[in-house]
Amino acid sequence: MASINTTYRLKSPPEPLKEMIRRGVPAEFRSTVWMRCSGAYLRLASNPDEYYTILKVYNGKSSVATKQIKMDIRRTFPEHKYLNSPKYMEQLSNVLTAYSWRNPTVGYCQSMNFLAGYLLIHMSEHEAYWTLVSIVEDILPQEYFTTTMIDLSVDVRFVFPDLMAKKLPRLNKHFTKNGLSLPLLMTQWFLCIFATTTPTETTFRIWDVFFSEGSKVLFRFALAMLKINEEELMSCQDYNDLYSLIKKIPSKMYDADHLMEVAFQKLGSMPMKTIDQKRTDCRVIAMDEYVKHQSARNGLKRQSQHITKSELKSGTKRWSSQLIFKEV
């Protein structure tokens, strides 16, 4: 089995190719371009039998991940005539199941079903498997899809807000004034690489660039969507109105050419080296917070084990407050 830490990705595409991809990859060439740029093609060529071997070896076996996959398959694209067909759902299940056995540290995370589902529109399940591998293990930071989601937390809680303050200072102040925090919304945008939020063709245009240029484009597209709607957002003076409007913004992004123009011509420089350094610095903070949270949680669990039946029945304020804190 191929090492999870091995990279096959084309790190820096030639500038002419980069510009062509930003203008949009024709549908008939998407599988080739996505696989070449992401490193999936080289992965498949180096490990041609891995996918089918995993399916054969683990056929009939189950895990926490495979059980969750079975539950999610039917609700991934419930309204789509083709994507909800038995044949397609079997392919989707195969890809997700194979990956869960390949990388038990990640196993399966909700949102991976949408990623694999959209990949299967353009390529075979064998190719989709290796492209999913490239997304999870090479293009995105290592702990985007793990149970801790540390790297996702870093991106939405630290890196994006920092870029927002620099690139859209007026809008950032407006959000702060209204007490609006974006991590929850950004989590949905980033984890699915906009697959569940933007119109389908716009999603594919975003993915064209994502496979070519890497994870930093997530920040560019998120900032571009906010910039395009900046004036309307500035006119909202209520938290609920602001939140509601931001949730709807991606679904209105039908003009992919305009989105590309704003993302790459209106936001200035965004060096990957700077983003990587910010990720490294803030990961230490996020890890420290996580360890403290787990310690506190484990402490409460140990404490709760000493609660007697009479104390549980009495419902005193002391135990009530402990249990409320535990839930929080």
Protein backbone atom coordinates (compact mmCIF):
# COMPACT_ATOMS: atom_id res chain seq x y z
CA MET A 1 0.00 0.00 0.00
CA ALA A 2 1.27 3.50 -0.88
CA SER A 3 2.60 5.56 2.03
CA ILE A 4 0.22 8.18 3.36
CA ASN A 5 3.10 10.65 3.73
CA THR A 6 4.36 10.38 0.14
CA THR A 7 3.58 13.34 -2.13
CA TYR A 8 3.04 12.96 -5.87
CA ARG A 9 1.58 16.37 -6.51
CA LEU A 10 2.75 18.87 -9.11
CA LYS A 11 3.62 21.68 -6.70
CA SER A 12 3.91 24.59 -9.10
CA PRO A 13 2.27 24.34 -12.54
CA PRO A 14 3.83 26.39 -15.34
CA GLU A 15 2.32 29.88 -15.47
CA PRO A 16 0.67 29.43 -18.90
CA LEU A 17 -1.04 26.25 -17.69
CA LYS A 18 -2.13 27.97 -14.49
CA GLU A 19 -3.76 30.78 -16.47
CA MET A 20 -5.52 28.35 -18.81
CA ILE A 21 -6.93 26.39 -15.88
CA ARG A 22 -8.24 29.58 -14.27
CA ARG A 23 -10.23 30.23 -17.44
CA GLY A 24 -11.90 26.84 -17.02
CA VAL A 25 -11.11 23.25 -17.97
CA PRO A 26 -13.44 21.69 -20.59
CA ALA A 27 -15.55 18.94 -19.03
CA GLU A 28 -14.04 16.24 -21.26
CA PHE A 29 -10.53 17.05 -19.98
CA ARG A 30 -11.33 17.52 -16.30
CA SER A 31 -10.47 14.01 -15.14
CA THR A 32 -7.07 14.21 -16.87
CA VAL A 33 -6.23 17.70 -15.58
CA TRP A 34 -7.46 17.02 -12.05
CA MET A 35 -5.53 13.76 -11.81
CA ARG A 36 -2.33 15.16 -13.31
CA CYS A 37 -2.30 18.31 -11.17
CA SER A 38 -3.31 16.60 -7.93
CA GLY A 39 -0.81 13.79 -8.22
CA ALA A 40 -3.57 11.17 -8.44
CA TYR A 41 -2.33 9.99 -11.84
CA LEU A 42 1.15 9.20 -10.51
CA ARG A 43 -0.35 7.58 -7.41
CA LEU A 44 -2.49 5.29 -9.56
CA ALA A 45 0.41 4.48 -11.88
CA SER A 46 2.65 3.63 -8.91
CA ASN A 47 0.00 1.55 -7.12
CA PRO A 48 -2.30 0.17 -9.83
CA ASP A 49 -3.71 -2.67 -7.74
CA GLU A 50 -4.22 -1.01 -4.35
CA TYR A 51 -7.84 0.06 -4.78
CA TYR A 52 -9.18 -3.30 -5.95
CA THR A 53 -6.98 -5.19 -3.49
CA ILE A 54 -8.47 -3.25 -0.57
CA LEU A 55 -12.01 -3.92 -1.77
CA LYS A 56 -11.22 -7.62 -2.10
CA VAL A 57 -9.38 -8.02 1.22
CA TYR A 58 -11.99 -6.13 3.25
CA ASN A 59 -15.05 -7.40 1.40
CA GLY A 60 -17.82 -8.12 3.92
CA LYS A 61 -15.95 -6.58 6.85
CA SER A 62 -17.35 -3.64 8.75
CA SER A 63 -16.10 -0.82 10.95
CA VAL A 64 -17.44 2.35 12.51
CA ALA A 65 -16.51 4.15 9.29
CA THR A 66 -18.23 1.70 6.92
CA LYS A 67 -21.40 1.80 9.01
CA GLN A 68 -21.46 5.58 8.78
CA ILE A 69 -20.81 5.43 5.04
CA LYS A 70 -23.83 3.17 4.54
CA MET A 71 -26.03 5.66 6.38
CA ASP A 72 -24.74 8.62 4.38
CA ILE A 73 -24.78 7.20 0.85
CA ARG A 74 -28.52 7.54 0.22
CA ARG A 75 -28.69 11.07 1.59
CA THR A 76 -25.71 12.42 -0.34
CA PHE A 77 -27.61 13.35 -3.52
CA PRO A 78 -31.25 12.39 -2.77
CA GLU A 79 -32.81 14.62 -5.45
CA HIS A 80 -30.38 13.91 -8.29
CA LYS A 81 -31.64 11.45 -10.91
CA TYR A 82 -28.22 10.13 -11.96
CA LEU A 83 -26.27 10.53 -8.72
CA ASN A 84 -29.00 8.79 -6.73
CA SER A 85 -28.99 5.69 -8.96
CA PRO A 86 -28.05 2.26 -7.48
CA LYS A 87 -25.01 1.97 -9.77
CA TYR A 88 -23.65 5.35 -8.78
CA MET A 89 -24.28 4.81 -5.06
CA GLU A 90 -22.41 1.50 -5.24
CA GLN A 91 -19.41 3.24 -6.81
CA LEU A 92 -19.55 5.99 -4.18
CA SER A 93 -19.71 3.40 -1.40
CA ASN A 94 -16.73 1.53 -2.88
CA VAL A 95 -14.56 4.64 -3.06
CA LEU A 96 -15.35 5.78 0.49
CA THR A 97 -15.07 2.29 1.95
CA ALA A 98 -11.71 1.64 0.29
CA TYR A 99 -10.36 4.93 1.57
CA SER A 100 -11.58 4.25 5.11
CA TRP A 101 -9.55 1.02 5.17
CA ARG A 102 -6.52 2.64 3.55
CA ASN A 103 -6.32 5.40 6.16
CA PRO A 104 -7.94 4.37 9.46
CA THR A 105 -6.67 7.56 11.13
CA VAL A 106 -9.17 9.48 9.01
CA GLY A 107 -11.52 6.62 8.24
CA TYR A 108 -14.55 8.49 7.03
CA CYS A 109 -15.66 12.05 7.68
CA GLN A 110 -18.98 13.50 6.58
CA SER A 111 -18.29 15.75 3.57
CA MET A 112 -15.98 13.18 1.98
CA ASN A 113 -19.13 11.70 0.44
CA PHE A 114 -19.73 14.93 -1.48
CA LEU A 115 -16.10 15.13 -2.59
CA ALA A 116 -16.07 11.55 -3.88
CA GLY A 117 -19.53 12.00 -5.39
CA TYR A 118 -18.49 14.97 -7.51
CA LEU A 119 -15.28 13.24 -8.56
CA LEU A 120 -17.30 10.30 -9.88
CA ILE A 121 -19.14 12.62 -12.27
CA HIS A 122 -15.90 13.05 -14.18
CA MET A 123 -13.95 9.83 -13.64
CA SER A 124 -14.05 6.13 -12.85
CA GLU A 125 -14.23 4.94 -9.25
CA HIS A 126 -10.60 3.80 -9.43
CA GLU A 127 -9.54 7.30 -10.50
CA ALA A 128 -11.88 8.96 -8.00
CA TYR A 129 -10.31 6.91 -5.20
CA TRP A 130 -6.82 8.17 -5.96
CA THR A 131 -7.98 11.75 -6.44
CA LEU A 132 -9.70 11.60 -3.05
CA VAL A 133 -6.44 10.30 -1.60
CA SER A 134 -4.64 13.32 -3.06
CA ILE A 135 -7.20 15.74 -1.61
CA VAL A 136 -7.11 14.32 1.90
CA GLU A 137 -3.43 13.42 2.17
CA ASP A 138 -1.64 15.88 -0.09
CA ILE A 139 -3.53 19.04 -1.05
CA LEU A 140 -5.29 19.85 2.22
CA PRO A 141 -3.43 19.91 5.54
CA GLN A 142 -3.16 16.46 7.17
CA GLU A 143 -5.79 16.89 9.89
CA TYR A 144 -8.69 18.41 7.99
CA PHE A 145 -10.76 15.23 8.18
CA THR A 146 -9.52 13.56 11.37
CA THR A 147 -11.67 13.44 14.51
CA THR A 148 -9.81 16.46 15.93
CA MET A 149 -10.03 18.51 12.71
CA ILE A 150 -7.14 20.57 14.09
CA ASP A 151 -5.96 21.86 10.72
CA LEU A 152 -9.47 22.83 9.63
CA SER A 153 -9.86 24.69 12.91
CA VAL A 154 -6.60 26.54 12.26
CA ASP A 155 -7.76 27.62 8.80
CA VAL A 156 -11.24 28.85 9.79
CA ARG A 157 -10.37 30.31 13.21
CA PHE A 158 -6.95 31.83 12.60
CA VAL A 159 -5.76 31.96 8.98
CA PHE A 160 -8.98 33.13 7.34
CA PRO A 161 -9.76 35.85 9.93
CA ASP A 162 -6.20 37.15 9.56
CA LEU A 163 -6.55 37.34 5.76
CA MET A 164 -10.01 38.89 6.12
CA ALA A 165 -8.63 41.69 8.30
CA LYS A 166 -5.90 42.39 5.74
CA LYS A 167 -7.85 42.01 2.49
CA LEU A 168 -11.31 43.26 3.50
CA PRO A 169 -10.67 45.54 6.51
CA ARG A 170 -13.88 47.56 6.18
CA LEU A 171 -16.06 44.46 6.04
CA ASN A 172 -14.08 42.83 8.82
CA LYS A 173 -14.74 45.78 11.15
CA HIS A 174 -18.42 45.65 10.21
CA PHE A 175 -18.61 41.96 11.14
CA THR A 176 -16.81 42.60 14.43
CA LYS A 177 -19.13 45.48 15.26
CA ASN A 178 -22.13 43.20 14.77
CA GLY A 179 -20.60 40.31 16.72
CA LEU A 180 -20.44 38.07 13.67
CA SER A 181 -17.97 35.17 13.68
CA LEU A 182 -17.37 33.17 10.52
CA PRO A 183 -15.71 29.85 11.53
CA LEU A 184 -18.92 27.80 11.42
CA LEU A 185 -19.80 28.99 7.92
CA MET A 186 -16.22 28.68 6.68
CA THR A 187 -16.12 25.10 7.97
CA GLN A 188 -18.93 24.12 5.60
CA TRP A 189 -17.36 25.99 2.69
CA PHE A 190 -13.85 24.59 3.17
CA LEU A 191 -14.58 21.02 4.25
CA CYS A 192 -16.62 20.31 1.10
CA ILE A 193 -14.44 22.57 -1.08
CA PHE A 194 -17.67 24.52 -1.81
CA ALA A 195 -19.39 21.42 -3.23
CA THR A 196 -22.54 21.83 -1.12
CA THR A 197 -22.74 25.61 -1.32
CA THR A 198 -21.99 26.88 -4.84
CA PRO A 199 -23.75 26.05 -8.15
CA THR A 200 -22.36 22.82 -9.63
CA GLU A 201 -20.46 24.32 -12.56
CA THR A 202 -18.97 26.99 -10.31
CA THR A 203 -17.86 24.25 -7.94
CA PHE A 204 -16.09 22.49 -10.80
CA ARG A 205 -14.37 25.76 -11.81
CA ILE A 206 -13.19 26.18 -8.21
CA TRP A 207 -11.95 22.59 -8.21
CA ASP A 208 -10.06 23.17 -11.48
CA VAL A 209 -7.95 25.77 -9.67
CA PHE A 210 -7.87 23.92 -6.36
CA PHE A 211 -6.16 20.89 -7.95
CA SER A 212 -3.76 23.15 -9.82
CA GLU A 213 -2.81 25.67 -7.13
CA GLY A 214 -3.58 24.03 -3.83
CA SER A 215 -5.47 24.77 -0.64
CA LYS A 216 -4.70 28.49 -0.50
CA VAL A 217 -7.38 29.08 -3.16
CA LEU A 218 -10.02 28.22 -0.56
CA PHE A 219 -9.17 31.52 1.11
CA ARG A 220 -9.17 33.39 -2.19
CA PHE A 221 -12.61 32.17 -3.21
CA ALA A 222 -14.15 32.74 0.21
CA LEU A 223 -12.78 36.28 0.31
CA ALA A 224 -13.85 36.91 -3.29
CA MET A 225 -17.45 35.89 -2.55
CA LEU A 226 -17.54 38.30 0.38
CA LYS A 227 -15.91 41.08 -1.66
CA ILE A 228 -18.42 40.67 -4.50
CA ASN A 229 -21.22 41.14 -1.97
CA GLU A 230 -19.41 43.68 0.20
CA GLU A 231 -21.78 46.61 -0.27
CA GLU A 232 -24.88 44.54 0.42
CA LEU A 233 -23.23 43.09 3.51
CA MET A 234 -22.24 46.56 4.71
CA SER A 235 -25.87 47.67 4.47
CA CYS A 236 -26.95 44.94 6.94
CA GLN A 237 -26.99 46.29 10.47
CA ASP A 238 -28.43 43.23 12.18
CA TYR A 239 -26.60 40.04 13.16
CA ASN A 240 -29.34 37.71 11.91
CA ASP A 241 -29.61 39.51 8.55
CA LEU A 242 -25.85 39.37 8.09
CA TYR A 243 -25.62 35.70 8.94
CA SER A 244 -28.53 34.82 6.68
CA LEU A 245 -27.08 36.77 3.76
CA ILE A 246 -23.61 35.21 4.08
CA LYS A 247 -25.13 31.71 4.10
CA LYS A 248 -26.86 32.46 0.78
CA ILE A 249 -23.88 34.09 -0.96
CA PRO A 250 -22.23 30.94 -2.41
CA SER A 251 -25.51 29.72 -3.95
CA LYS A 252 -25.67 32.95 -6.01
CA MET A 253 -22.20 32.50 -7.53
CA TYR A 254 -23.35 31.59 -11.05
CA ASP A 255 -20.82 33.86 -12.77
CA ALA A 256 -17.69 31.79 -12.30
CA ASP A 257 -15.65 34.08 -14.59
CA HIS A 258 -16.38 37.07 -12.36
CA LEU A 259 -15.55 35.03 -9.27
CA MET A 260 -12.19 34.07 -10.80
CA GLU A 261 -11.47 37.69 -11.73
CA VAL A 262 -12.11 38.97 -8.22
CA ALA A 263 -10.28 36.07 -6.55
CA PHE A 264 -7.09 36.48 -8.59
CA GLN A 265 -7.06 40.14 -9.65
CA LYS A 266 -8.78 42.08 -6.87
CA LEU A 267 -7.31 40.64 -3.67
CA GLY A 268 -3.59 41.17 -4.12
CA SER A 269 -0.79 38.83 -3.16
CA MET A 270 -1.38 35.80 -0.92
CA PRO A 271 1.90 33.82 -0.77
CA MET A 272 1.62 30.15 0.15
CA LYS A 273 4.73 30.53 2.31
CA THR A 274 2.97 33.14 4.46
CA ILE A 275 -0.15 30.98 4.80
CA ASP A 276 1.93 27.93 5.73
CA GLN A 277 3.79 29.92 8.40
CA LYS A 278 0.51 31.18 9.85
CA ARG A 279 -0.81 27.62 9.90
CA THR A 280 2.32 26.39 11.68
CA ASP A 281 2.22 29.14 14.31
CA CYS A 282 -1.49 28.80 15.04
CA ARG A 283 -1.49 25.02 15.05
CA VAL A 284 0.45 25.17 18.32
CA ILE A 285 -2.34 27.30 19.82
CA ALA A 286 -5.10 25.06 18.47
CA MET A 287 -3.36 21.91 19.75
CA ASP A 288 -2.89 23.44 23.18
CA GLU A 289 -6.58 24.37 23.33
CA TYR A 290 -7.56 20.88 22.24
CA VAL A 291 -5.39 19.19 24.88
CA LYS A 292 -6.79 21.45 27.61
CA HIS A 293 -10.34 20.79 26.44
CA GLN A 294 -9.77 17.03 26.48
CA SER A 295 -8.18 17.19 29.91
CA ALA A 296 -11.10 19.17 31.31
CA ARG A 297 -13.55 16.81 29.67
CA ASN A 298 -11.80 13.73 31.06
CA GLY A 299 -11.66 15.36 34.49
CA LEU A 300 -15.42 15.90 34.44
CA LYS A 301 -15.96 12.30 33.37
CA ARG A 302 -13.88 11.02 36.29
CA GLN A 303 -15.70 13.35 38.64
CA SER A 304 -19.11 12.20 37.40
CA GLN A 305 -18.19 8.58 38.18
CA HIS A 306 -18.22 9.44 41.90
CA ILE A 307 -21.76 10.82 41.91
CA THR A 308 -23.95 8.63 44.13
CA LYS A 309 -27.50 7.65 43.27
CA SER A 310 -28.86 9.83 46.08
CA GLU A 311 -26.94 12.84 44.76
CA LEU A 312 -28.28 12.25 41.27
CA LYS A 313 -31.83 12.07 42.61
CA SER A 314 -31.50 15.13 44.83
CA GLY A 315 -30.86 17.41 41.86
CA THR A 316 -28.91 19.92 43.94
CA LYS A 317 -27.51 23.01 42.29
CA ARG A 318 -23.95 21.81 42.75
CA TRP A 319 -24.39 18.70 40.60
CA SER A 320 -26.68 20.49 38.22
CA SER A 321 -24.02 23.09 37.47
CA GLN A 322 -21.40 20.37 36.97
CA LEU A 323 -23.54 18.57 34.45
CA ILE A 324 -24.42 21.76 32.58
CA PHE A 325 -20.73 22.64 32.35
CA LYS A 326 -20.00 19.17 31.08
CA GLU A 327 -22.47 19.59 28.23
CA VAL A 328 -20.97 22.93 27.26
